[in-house]
Amino acid sequence: MKRKFVPVALAAVMAFNMAACTNGGDAPADPTPADPGTETTPADPGTTDPGTTDPGAEEDVEPYTVRTKADGSPIDLGGMEIIIRDWFSNAETDIMHADPDSLSSYEAEIREYREWAQEKYNFKLKQVGGADWGQCITDFVNYVTSGGGPLDYEYETGVPEKCENVIFTIRDDAATTAAMRNNEMYDLSTLDCLDFSDHKYTQNKLHEQYSYKGGIYAMYGSISEPRDGVYFNYQLLKDGGHEPDEIYDMQKNGTWTWDAFEQICKDVQKDTDNDGIADVAGWTANTGGAVNAFIYSNDGQLVGRDSSGAYELQVTDQKTIDALEFANRMIKEYRHKDPQVQGEDGTMTDAPWDYYKDSWKNGDACFLLEQEYAGTPGNFLADITFDAGFVMMPKGPAAKDLVNCWSNNPAVIPACYTPEQAWNIAFAYDVWFEVPPEIEEENSIVSRARSGIFDDRALDETLPMMSEEKHGMITYGGMIPELETGPDLIWSINGDAKVSELVDAIKDKWKEKVDAANN
């Protein structure tokens, strides 16, 4: 069922992931969940009260569309205090805590709306930092299995011994999948205050990723965060006979392909001292991340889902094999060769795994395959001293269009909560991350990136594309318990790999784990 109020898009004011819903219990007693047929009741701006002494007096007019119960009565959450707990929120970045003078006009409007919503529906909600990225899923499982308990917050004091009404922001991980399979997450599909056909959910597909045996166990109420793309150095590109607009034009007209990428790598690569090693290489990256990005750019997967929703091993599909072969060759022929470095004891060792960051910043390679966040304020590309562009990954021959693989942080509600409690929390979450029709929506990903290193065409063309549904995909390899895609395969694609032998060596073991995840 769907609500009758106007569905609206949610722009991610910040890159937060949340969740809400129920574990399939009875409908909440009071407040009654808004029937998906719940009316949104805007105030009548012209109504007058016949009993007033001033026949021209108008009723109070609500600034935003109001949700009500199915019978038209108001929704009141009874002063509930809700925590959205993650590992990244702080007083400076959360628009509800930040200095109002630091907010954009759009953020200020969203803040005003959220303040109104808290008062209108009688709840309080805070986004607070807690455990680190690695600890978040453990904290969640401990909380659920203990029936709730104390939680540390990064910038909150006076934490109660028992923390109720918590939405946990966790991460893609096999332990997260296990928690879903073990009924530790509330089944959000049972909560009729949520409509997963709303744009704020369909625009990121996370609820599809976390669907299992007919239920939905996590969600994300924001525009999808862009992921892997290709940065390029203007000057090195020009030195190789190409112009920045050329790459943007190819991205725009559909000719930004693997072949085009390889040809430019060949053109920009230079061995200035004739020692057989390129002093300016075609590209650099964390090779593991790059290999995965090449797989997705060819419409490939390591693990996908079939038409019935079951996990399916796809590492043996030809488009995945072709991507692994292409990545292997590109690493060998065009990736910058990281040097050895001298250790404290004087011995020479391989450069650290993240040397590629300094390598690109130093001008050792024209292209950098990296995620969009790296070019935003406060991240490792923020201090580059040269002009740079950013485009999506080039598409492989099996792909119909340019694509990037989304990986948003799942938000979940503990299964130990009552149906009424879960409904109330889910309703508050849904309201919180809505952009009401009275506010003109902005793409907050682009707004954030404007303070980074991105040029105009990246801001106007690339970043909006990367968050569009037709250019995004989700993957399932990280959700299969005990499936170690990196050590088993991806990290071995190093330029000298025998791809077919590697795949043959792991396919049966992987299939057993995928089959087990379907049971």
Protein backbone atom coordinates (compact mmCIF):
# COMPACT_ATOMS: atom_id res chain seq x y z
CA MET A 1 0.00 0.00 0.00
CA LYS A 2 1.08 3.55 -0.59
CA ARG A 3 0.40 6.72 1.33
CA LYS A 4 -1.80 9.28 -0.39
CA PHE A 5 0.42 12.15 0.58
CA VAL A 6 2.69 13.46 -2.10
CA PRO A 7 5.89 11.34 -2.37
CA VAL A 8 8.92 13.56 -2.25
CA ALA A 9 12.60 13.11 -2.98
CA LEU A 10 15.17 13.23 -0.23
CA ALA A 11 18.42 14.97 -0.93
CA ALA A 12 21.19 13.73 1.35
CA VAL A 13 22.03 16.75 3.39
CA MET A 14 24.96 14.65 4.61
CA ALA A 15 26.08 11.18 3.71
CA PHE A 16 24.12 9.38 6.45
CA ASN A 17 22.60 5.95 6.37
CA MET A 18 19.77 4.95 8.57
CA ALA A 19 16.98 2.47 8.89
CA ALA A 20 13.57 1.86 10.39
CA CYS A 21 10.78 -0.70 10.67
CA THR A 22 9.24 -3.72 12.33
CA ASN A 23 9.93 -7.35 12.91
CA GLY A 24 6.56 -8.50 11.81
CA GLY A 25 4.61 -8.08 15.03
CA ASP A 26 1.10 -6.85 15.48
CA ALA A 27 0.20 -3.34 14.45
CA PRO A 28 1.07 -0.71 17.05
CA ALA A 29 -1.69 0.12 19.46
CA ASP A 30 -1.23 3.85 19.91
CA PRO A 31 -0.33 5.85 18.01
CA THR A 32 -1.98 3.94 15.21
CA PRO A 33 0.38 3.61 12.26
CA ALA A 34 -0.48 5.87 9.40
CA ASP A 35 -2.27 3.65 6.95
CA PRO A 36 -0.44 3.78 3.63
CA GLY A 37 -3.70 5.38 2.69
CA THR A 38 -3.03 8.05 5.28
CA GLU A 39 -3.98 11.47 4.12
CA THR A 40 -1.58 14.34 4.27
CA THR A 41 -3.73 17.16 5.53
CA PRO A 42 -2.59 20.62 4.58
CA ALA A 43 -4.19 23.41 6.54
CA ASP A 44 -6.93 25.36 4.78
CA PRO A 45 -5.45 28.83 4.57
CA GLY A 46 -8.77 30.55 4.05
CA THR A 47 -10.93 28.97 6.76
CA THR A 48 -12.49 31.22 9.40
CA ASP A 49 -14.05 30.33 12.70
CA PRO A 50 -17.73 31.45 12.79
CA GLY A 51 -17.50 31.88 16.55
CA THR A 52 -14.58 34.28 16.57
CA THR A 53 -15.05 37.93 17.40
CA ASP A 54 -13.09 38.79 14.28
CA PRO A 55 -14.80 37.23 11.26
CA GLY A 56 -11.74 38.03 9.17
CA ALA A 57 -9.29 36.10 11.39
CA GLU A 58 -7.59 33.13 9.70
CA GLU A 59 -6.72 29.78 11.23
CA ASP A 60 -3.07 28.99 11.84
CA VAL A 61 -1.48 27.81 8.61
CA GLU A 62 1.09 25.04 8.80
CA PRO A 63 4.27 25.81 6.85
CA TYR A 64 4.57 22.18 5.69
CA THR A 65 2.24 19.40 4.67
CA VAL A 66 1.04 17.49 7.74
CA ARG A 67 0.66 13.72 8.00
CA THR A 68 -2.23 12.30 9.97
CA LYS A 69 -3.66 8.93 10.89
CA ALA A 70 -6.08 7.25 8.51
CA ASP A 71 -9.02 8.75 10.41
CA GLY A 72 -7.57 12.25 10.13
CA SER A 73 -6.44 12.44 13.77
CA PRO A 74 -2.96 13.78 14.54
CA ILE A 75 0.16 11.64 14.97
CA ASP A 76 1.82 12.13 18.36
CA LEU A 77 4.97 10.16 19.24
CA GLY A 78 4.66 11.07 22.90
CA GLY A 79 7.91 12.96 23.28
CA MET A 80 10.02 9.98 22.18
CA GLU A 81 13.77 10.65 22.08
CA ILE A 82 15.50 8.87 19.20
CA ILE A 83 19.21 8.42 18.51
CA ILE A 84 20.69 7.72 15.08
CA ARG A 85 24.10 6.32 16.00
CA ASP A 86 26.96 6.17 13.52
CA TRP A 87 30.76 6.58 13.50
CA PHE A 88 31.03 9.90 11.66
CA SER A 89 28.58 12.44 13.08
CA ASN A 90 29.86 15.32 15.17
CA ALA A 91 28.69 18.70 16.33
CA GLU A 92 30.38 20.49 13.45
CA THR A 93 29.01 18.39 10.59
CA ASP A 94 25.47 17.73 11.86
CA ILE A 95 23.32 20.59 10.60
CA MET A 96 21.14 20.38 13.70
CA HIS A 97 24.14 21.14 15.94
CA ALA A 98 26.29 23.25 13.65
CA ASP A 99 26.59 27.02 13.84
CA PRO A 100 23.59 28.35 11.87
CA ASP A 101 25.86 30.86 10.14
CA SER A 102 27.85 27.95 8.66
CA LEU A 103 24.84 26.46 6.86
CA SER A 104 23.89 26.94 3.25
CA SER A 105 20.43 28.34 2.59
CA TYR A 106 19.21 24.84 1.70
CA GLU A 107 20.63 23.33 4.90
CA ALA A 108 19.02 26.11 6.91
CA GLU A 109 15.64 25.29 5.33
CA ILE A 110 16.05 21.59 6.12
CA ARG A 111 17.01 22.42 9.70
CA GLU A 112 13.93 24.62 10.09
CA TYR A 113 11.73 21.85 8.67
CA ARG A 114 13.19 19.24 11.03
CA GLU A 115 12.65 21.52 14.02
CA TRP A 116 9.03 21.94 12.95
CA ALA A 117 8.60 18.17 12.45
CA GLN A 118 9.91 17.39 15.94
CA GLU A 119 7.44 19.81 17.47
CA LYS A 120 4.53 18.79 15.25
CA TYR A 121 4.84 15.05 15.84
CA ASN A 122 6.25 15.36 19.39
CA PHE A 123 9.63 13.62 19.14
CA LYS A 124 13.31 14.49 19.38
CA LEU A 125 15.96 12.99 17.13
CA LYS A 126 19.76 13.29 17.24
CA GLN A 127 22.50 11.97 14.97
CA VAL A 128 25.50 11.10 17.12
CA GLY A 129 28.92 9.51 16.63
CA GLY A 130 29.74 6.40 18.62
CA ALA A 131 31.76 3.32 17.74
CA ASP A 132 34.29 3.33 14.96
CA TRP A 133 33.65 1.82 11.54
CA GLY A 134 34.98 -1.58 12.51
CA GLN A 135 33.12 -1.82 15.81
CA CYS A 136 29.64 -0.72 14.75
CA ILE A 137 28.20 -4.12 13.83
CA THR A 138 29.55 -5.73 17.02
CA ASP A 139 27.93 -2.99 19.10
CA PHE A 140 24.63 -3.55 17.31
CA VAL A 141 24.62 -7.31 17.86
CA ASN A 142 25.57 -6.90 21.53
CA TYR A 143 22.79 -4.37 21.98
CA VAL A 144 20.12 -6.58 20.41
CA THR A 145 21.12 -9.78 22.16
CA SER A 146 21.27 -8.03 25.55
CA GLY A 147 17.92 -6.33 25.05
CA GLY A 148 19.40 -2.83 24.98
CA GLY A 149 22.09 -1.18 27.04
CA PRO A 150 24.50 1.73 27.42
CA LEU A 151 26.12 3.21 24.34
CA ASP A 152 28.91 5.77 24.10
CA TYR A 153 28.33 8.92 22.06
CA GLU A 154 31.08 11.10 20.68
CA TYR A 155 29.65 14.44 21.72
CA GLU A 156 26.89 13.61 24.17
CA THR A 157 27.11 13.48 27.97
CA GLY A 158 24.95 11.87 30.60
CA VAL A 159 24.31 8.69 28.62
CA PRO A 160 21.59 6.63 30.35
CA GLU A 161 22.28 3.08 31.50
CA LYS A 162 19.66 1.77 29.11
CA CYS A 163 19.48 3.45 25.72
CA GLU A 164 16.13 3.07 24.02
CA ASN A 165 14.94 4.13 20.56
CA VAL A 166 18.26 3.74 18.71
CA ILE A 167 18.67 3.51 14.95
CA PHE A 168 22.04 1.90 14.25
CA THR A 169 24.13 2.89 11.26
CA ILE A 170 26.25 -0.13 10.39
CA ARG A 171 28.17 -1.26 7.30
CA ASP A 172 28.20 -3.84 4.53
CA ASP A 173 29.78 -6.91 6.04
CA ALA A 174 29.20 -10.63 6.33
CA ALA A 175 28.53 -10.08 10.06
CA THR A 176 25.75 -7.67 9.07
CA THR A 177 24.27 -10.31 6.80
CA ALA A 178 24.46 -12.84 9.62
CA ALA A 179 22.58 -10.43 11.91
CA MET A 180 19.87 -10.12 9.25
CA ARG A 181 19.60 -13.89 8.88
CA ASN A 182 19.52 -14.33 12.67
CA ASN A 183 16.45 -12.08 13.03
CA GLU A 184 18.39 -9.42 14.93
CA MET A 185 17.16 -6.63 12.65
CA TYR A 186 13.56 -5.47 12.59
CA ASP A 187 11.70 -6.32 9.39
CA LEU A 188 10.96 -2.89 7.97
CA SER A 189 8.54 -4.23 5.36
CA THR A 190 6.00 -4.77 8.14
CA LEU A 191 5.85 -1.06 8.99
CA ASP A 192 3.18 0.72 6.98
CA CYS A 193 4.61 4.16 7.76
CA LEU A 194 7.36 3.38 5.25
CA ASP A 195 6.80 3.33 1.51
CA PHE A 196 9.79 1.81 -0.23
CA SER A 197 8.49 3.02 -3.58
CA ASP A 198 9.20 6.58 -2.43
CA HIS A 199 12.02 8.23 -4.33
CA LYS A 200 14.10 8.73 -1.19
CA TYR A 201 14.49 4.93 -1.03
CA THR A 202 14.43 3.92 -4.68
CA GLN A 203 17.19 6.42 -5.51
CA ASN A 204 19.78 4.34 -3.64
CA LYS A 205 18.43 0.74 -3.74
CA LEU A 206 19.85 -0.16 -0.33
CA HIS A 207 16.58 -1.72 0.82
CA GLU A 208 16.83 -4.07 -2.17
CA GLN A 209 20.32 -5.07 -1.10
CA TYR A 210 19.04 -5.84 2.40
CA SER A 211 15.94 -7.77 1.42
CA TYR A 212 15.81 -11.39 2.54
CA LYS A 213 13.06 -13.99 2.26
CA GLY A 214 10.38 -11.38 1.67
CA GLY A 215 11.50 -8.96 4.38
CA ILE A 216 13.44 -5.69 4.30
CA TYR A 217 15.97 -5.20 7.08
CA ALA A 218 17.83 -1.96 6.35
CA MET A 219 17.34 1.27 4.49
CA TYR A 220 18.98 4.52 3.50
CA GLY A 221 16.89 7.65 3.13
CA SER A 222 19.22 9.82 1.08
CA ILE A 223 20.60 10.33 -2.37
CA SER A 224 23.24 7.72 -3.10
CA GLU A 225 26.83 8.69 -2.44
CA PRO A 226 28.96 8.52 -5.62
CA ARG A 227 31.72 5.96 -5.53
CA ASP A 228 34.47 4.98 -7.97
CA GLY A 229 35.42 7.31 -10.79
CA VAL A 230 38.47 8.62 -12.63
CA TYR A 231 40.38 11.78 -11.70
CA PHE A 232 42.70 13.23 -14.31
CA ASN A 233 45.55 15.73 -14.26
CA TYR A 234 44.87 18.53 -16.76
CA GLN A 235 48.52 19.20 -17.58
CA LEU A 236 49.60 15.59 -17.98
CA LEU A 237 46.57 15.00 -20.18
CA LYS A 238 47.51 17.97 -22.38
CA ASP A 239 51.13 16.80 -22.52
CA GLY A 240 49.79 13.59 -24.06
CA GLY A 241 47.87 15.47 -26.75
CA HIS A 242 44.39 15.49 -25.18
CA GLU A 243 42.09 18.11 -23.67
CA PRO A 244 39.90 17.82 -20.56
CA ASP A 245 36.75 18.61 -22.54
CA GLU A 246 37.51 15.67 -24.79
CA ILE A 247 37.00 13.22 -21.93
CA TYR A 248 33.89 14.99 -20.68
CA ASP A 249 32.48 14.97 -24.20
CA MET A 250 33.12 11.23 -24.48
CA GLN A 251 31.37 10.69 -21.17
CA LYS A 252 28.43 12.73 -22.45
CA ASN A 253 28.09 11.07 -25.85
CA GLY A 254 28.68 7.47 -24.73
CA THR A 255 32.16 6.91 -26.16
CA TRP A 256 34.05 6.92 -22.85
CA THR A 257 35.03 3.25 -23.07
CA TRP A 258 37.82 0.93 -21.98
CA ASP A 259 39.39 1.34 -25.42
CA ALA A 260 39.34 5.14 -25.13
CA PHE A 261 40.83 4.98 -21.63
CA GLU A 262 43.62 2.65 -22.73
CA GLN A 263 44.49 4.77 -25.77
CA ILE A 264 44.85 7.91 -23.63
CA CYS A 265 46.95 5.97 -21.09
CA LYS A 266 49.23 5.01 -23.96
CA ASP A 267 49.44 8.60 -25.20
CA VAL A 268 50.28 10.19 -21.85
CA GLN A 269 52.75 7.55 -20.66
CA LYS A 270 56.39 8.65 -20.90
CA ASP A 271 59.76 7.04 -20.15
CA THR A 272 61.93 10.15 -20.11
CA ASP A 273 65.21 8.44 -19.08
CA ASN A 274 64.82 5.31 -21.22
CA ASP A 275 65.23 2.91 -18.30
CA GLY A 276 62.19 0.89 -19.30
CA ILE A 277 60.03 2.31 -16.48
CA ALA A 278 57.46 5.01 -17.17
CA ASP A 279 58.30 8.23 -15.35
CA VAL A 280 54.76 9.41 -16.12
CA ALA A 281 52.36 6.47 -16.09
CA GLY A 282 48.89 6.18 -17.51
CA TRP A 283 47.15 5.63 -14.18
CA THR A 284 47.45 4.67 -10.55
CA ALA A 285 45.06 3.44 -7.84
CA ASN A 286 44.59 1.06 -5.00
CA THR A 287 44.64 -1.94 -7.31
CA GLY A 288 42.07 -3.92 -5.34
CA GLY A 289 39.54 -1.11 -5.60
CA ALA A 290 40.38 -0.60 -9.27
CA VAL A 291 39.86 -4.28 -10.11
CA ASN A 292 36.39 -4.21 -8.56
CA ALA A 293 35.57 -0.97 -10.39
CA PHE A 294 36.57 -2.53 -13.73
CA ILE A 295 34.30 -5.52 -12.99
CA TYR A 296 31.30 -3.29 -12.33
CA SER A 297 32.06 -1.09 -15.34
CA ASN A 298 31.59 -4.15 -17.57
CA ASP A 299 28.24 -4.98 -15.92
CA GLY A 300 30.00 -7.79 -14.05
CA GLN A 301 29.65 -9.09 -10.51
CA LEU A 302 31.42 -11.54 -8.24
CA VAL A 303 28.10 -12.37 -6.57
CA GLY A 304 24.72 -11.16 -7.79
CA ARG A 305 21.10 -12.17 -7.43
CA ASP A 306 18.89 -14.14 -9.78
CA SER A 307 15.32 -13.29 -10.75
CA SER A 308 13.97 -15.03 -7.62
CA GLY A 309 16.16 -12.95 -5.31
CA ALA A 310 18.57 -15.76 -4.45
CA TYR A 311 22.30 -15.03 -4.30
CA GLU A 312 24.09 -16.27 -7.39
CA LEU A 313 27.79 -16.83 -8.10
CA GLN A 314 28.76 -14.68 -11.09
CA VAL A 315 32.56 -14.69 -10.91
CA THR A 316 32.60 -17.23 -13.72
CA ASP A 317 30.43 -15.12 -16.06
CA GLN A 318 32.30 -14.09 -19.18
CA LYS A 319 31.82 -10.36 -18.59
CA THR A 320 33.43 -10.73 -15.14
CA ILE A 321 36.30 -12.81 -16.54
CA ASP A 322 36.84 -10.23 -19.30
CA ALA A 323 37.01 -7.46 -16.71
CA LEU A 324 39.55 -9.35 -14.62
CA GLU A 325 41.69 -9.92 -17.71
CA PHE A 326 41.46 -6.26 -18.74
CA ALA A 327 42.34 -5.05 -15.24
CA ASN A 328 45.30 -7.43 -15.09
CA ARG A 329 46.70 -6.14 -18.39
CA MET A 330 46.12 -2.48 -17.53
CA ILE A 331 47.99 -2.97 -14.25
CA LYS A 332 50.93 -4.52 -16.03
CA GLU A 333 51.17 -2.04 -18.91
CA TYR A 334 49.96 1.32 -17.61
CA ARG A 335 49.75 1.47 -13.81
CA HIS A 336 52.52 3.43 -12.09
CA LYS A 337 55.15 1.10 -10.64
CA ASP A 338 55.41 1.97 -6.97
CA PRO A 339 59.04 2.24 -5.85
CA GLN A 340 60.73 0.48 -3.01
CA VAL A 341 61.41 2.58 0.07
CA GLN A 342 64.11 2.42 2.68
CA GLY A 343 63.02 1.28 6.12
CA GLU A 344 64.38 2.37 9.49
CA ASP A 345 66.84 -0.52 9.46
CA GLY A 346 68.14 0.51 6.05
CA THR A 347 66.56 -2.36 4.11
CA MET A 348 64.48 -1.71 1.01
CA THR A 349 60.83 -2.75 1.10
CA ASP A 350 57.76 -2.26 -1.05
CA ALA A 351 56.08 1.12 -0.73
CA PRO A 352 53.06 1.17 1.65
CA TRP A 353 49.72 0.13 0.20
CA ASP A 354 48.46 3.71 -0.02
CA TYR A 355 51.52 5.09 -1.81
CA TYR A 356 49.33 5.59 -4.88
CA LYS A 357 47.83 8.68 -3.22
CA ASP A 358 51.14 10.52 -3.08
CA SER A 359 52.08 9.12 -6.47
CA TRP A 360 49.18 10.85 -8.21
CA LYS A 361 49.56 14.04 -6.21
CA ASN A 362 53.25 14.11 -7.23
CA GLY A 363 52.38 13.90 -10.94
CA ASP A 364 53.56 10.31 -11.47
CA ALA A 365 50.39 9.33 -13.35
CA CYS A 366 47.74 11.08 -15.44
CA PHE A 367 44.70 9.18 -14.13
CA LEU A 368 43.70 8.21 -10.60
CA LEU A 369 40.96 5.63 -10.12
CA GLU A 370 39.43 6.61 -6.79
CA GLN A 371 36.16 7.39 -5.05
CA GLU A 372 34.47 10.76 -5.26
CA TYR A 373 34.86 11.48 -1.54
CA ALA A 374 38.65 11.85 -1.97
CA GLY A 375 38.19 15.20 -3.72
CA THR A 376 35.85 16.68 -1.13
CA PRO A 377 36.94 19.03 1.68
CA GLY A 378 39.14 17.47 4.34
CA ASN A 379 40.16 14.43 2.30
CA PHE A 380 43.49 13.45 0.80
CA LEU A 381 43.15 15.23 -2.55
CA ALA A 382 42.14 18.54 -1.01
CA ASP A 383 45.68 19.96 -1.21
CA ILE A 384 46.58 19.18 -4.83
CA THR A 385 48.35 22.04 -6.61
CA PHE A 386 47.16 21.36 -10.17
CA ASP A 387 43.86 21.46 -12.07
CA ALA A 388 41.98 18.19 -12.18
CA GLY A 389 38.85 16.71 -13.69
CA PHE A 390 36.64 13.80 -12.68
CA VAL A 391 34.58 11.42 -14.80
CA MET A 392 32.85 8.08 -14.30
CA MET A 393 34.62 4.79 -14.92
CA PRO A 394 34.85 4.03 -18.64
CA LYS A 395 32.38 1.38 -19.73
CA GLY A 396 33.40 -2.09 -20.82
CA PRO A 397 32.12 -3.83 -23.97
CA ALA A 398 29.42 -5.76 -22.09
CA ALA A 399 27.95 -2.66 -20.40
CA LYS A 400 25.02 -0.74 -21.82
CA ASP A 401 25.91 2.48 -20.00
CA LEU A 402 28.36 4.05 -17.58
CA VAL A 403 27.88 2.66 -14.09
CA ASN A 404 29.26 2.92 -10.58
CA CYS A 405 28.64 0.50 -7.74
CA TRP A 406 26.88 2.09 -4.78
CA SER A 407 27.75 1.14 -1.22
CA ASN A 408 25.69 3.16 1.26
CA ASN A 409 25.68 2.57 4.99
CA PRO A 410 22.65 0.51 6.12
CA ALA A 411 20.47 1.85 8.91
CA VAL A 412 18.71 -0.72 11.04
CA ILE A 413 16.27 -0.92 13.94
CA PRO A 414 16.93 -3.54 16.64
CA ALA A 415 14.60 -6.54 16.53
CA CYS A 416 14.24 -6.42 20.32
CA TYR A 417 11.92 -3.39 20.06
CA THR A 418 8.13 -3.66 20.28
CA PRO A 419 6.02 -3.13 17.14
CA GLU A 420 4.74 0.21 18.44
CA GLN A 421 8.24 1.39 19.30
CA ALA A 422 9.63 0.35 15.92
CA TRP A 423 6.74 2.02 14.08
CA ASN A 424 7.28 5.28 15.91
CA ILE A 425 11.03 5.24 15.25
CA ALA A 426 10.49 4.42 11.59
CA PHE A 427 7.93 7.19 11.20
CA ALA A 428 10.31 9.73 12.75
CA TYR A 429 13.13 8.56 10.48
CA ASP A 430 10.95 8.78 7.40
CA VAL A 431 9.86 12.32 8.28
CA TRP A 432 13.41 13.38 9.17
CA PHE A 433 14.89 12.45 5.81
CA GLU A 434 12.07 13.77 3.70
CA VAL A 435 12.40 16.93 1.68
CA PRO A 436 8.91 18.44 1.89
CA PRO A 437 7.39 19.83 -1.32
CA GLU A 438 7.52 23.29 0.22
CA ILE A 439 11.35 23.21 -0.06
CA GLU A 440 13.10 23.24 -3.42
CA GLU A 441 15.31 20.18 -3.39
CA GLU A 442 19.04 20.39 -3.99
CA ASN A 443 21.57 17.68 -4.80
CA SER A 444 23.54 17.80 -1.56
CA ILE A 445 26.32 15.64 -3.02
CA VAL A 446 27.07 18.38 -5.54
CA SER A 447 26.69 21.08 -2.88
CA ARG A 448 29.33 19.42 -0.72
CA ALA A 449 31.65 18.85 -3.68
CA ARG A 450 31.59 22.52 -4.69
CA SER A 451 34.04 23.21 -1.86
CA GLY A 452 36.37 20.47 -3.11
CA ILE A 453 38.68 20.11 -6.11
CA PHE A 454 36.04 19.45 -8.76
CA ASP A 455 35.82 21.49 -11.94
CA ASP A 456 32.56 22.80 -13.39
CA ARG A 457 31.87 19.89 -15.72
CA ALA A 458 32.43 17.36 -12.94
CA LEU A 459 29.96 19.27 -10.76
CA ASP A 460 27.41 19.80 -13.52
CA GLU A 461 27.70 16.47 -15.31
CA THR A 462 29.66 13.69 -13.59
CA LEU A 463 28.43 13.89 -10.00
CA PRO A 464 24.72 14.13 -10.85
CA MET A 465 25.10 11.15 -13.21
CA MET A 466 26.77 9.04 -10.52
CA SER A 467 23.76 9.40 -8.23
CA GLU A 468 21.15 8.66 -10.90
CA GLU A 469 19.40 5.31 -10.66
CA LYS A 470 20.26 4.29 -14.22
CA HIS A 471 23.97 4.77 -13.52
CA GLY A 472 24.04 2.97 -10.17
CA MET A 473 24.17 -0.66 -9.15
CA ILE A 474 24.43 -2.69 -5.94
CA THR A 475 26.49 -5.79 -5.31
CA TYR A 476 26.33 -8.70 -2.89
CA GLY A 477 29.82 -10.16 -2.55
CA GLY A 478 30.39 -8.51 0.81
CA MET A 479 27.17 -9.99 2.17
CA ILE A 480 28.12 -13.65 1.86
CA PRO A 481 29.40 -15.01 5.19
CA GLU A 482 33.03 -16.21 5.08
CA LEU A 483 33.49 -15.17 1.43
CA GLU A 484 36.90 -13.50 1.25
CA THR A 485 36.92 -11.91 -2.18
CA GLY A 486 40.13 -9.95 -1.61
CA PRO A 487 42.52 -12.64 -0.37
CA ASP A 488 40.98 -15.32 -2.59
CA LEU A 489 41.01 -13.40 -5.88
CA ILE A 490 41.04 -9.61 -6.17
CA TRP A 491 44.42 -8.99 -4.50
CA SER A 492 46.04 -11.50 -6.85
CA ILE A 493 45.16 -9.48 -9.96
CA ASN A 494 48.58 -7.80 -10.05
CA GLY A 495 49.63 -7.70 -13.68
CA ASP A 496 51.11 -11.19 -13.76
CA ALA A 497 48.04 -13.16 -12.74
CA LYS A 498 46.64 -16.16 -14.59
CA VAL A 499 43.01 -15.18 -14.32
CA SER A 500 41.42 -18.41 -15.48
CA GLU A 501 43.53 -20.43 -13.03
CA LEU A 502 42.64 -18.15 -10.14
CA VAL A 503 38.92 -18.38 -10.88
CA ASP A 504 39.02 -22.14 -11.32
CA ALA A 505 40.76 -22.47 -7.96
CA ILE A 506 38.06 -20.67 -5.99
CA LYS A 507 34.78 -21.17 -7.84
CA ASP A 508 33.66 -24.35 -6.08
CA LYS A 509 34.52 -23.03 -2.62
CA TRP A 510 32.71 -19.77 -3.38
CA LYS A 511 29.65 -21.58 -4.69
CA GLU A 512 29.35 -23.52 -1.44
CA LYS A 513 29.35 -20.28 0.55
CA VAL A 514 26.83 -18.62 -1.79
CA ASP A 515 24.52 -21.64 -1.61
CA ALA A 516 24.78 -21.63 2.19
CA ALA A 517 23.77 -17.95 2.26
CA ASN A 518 20.55 -18.85 0.43
CA ASN A 519 19.48 -21.36 3.09
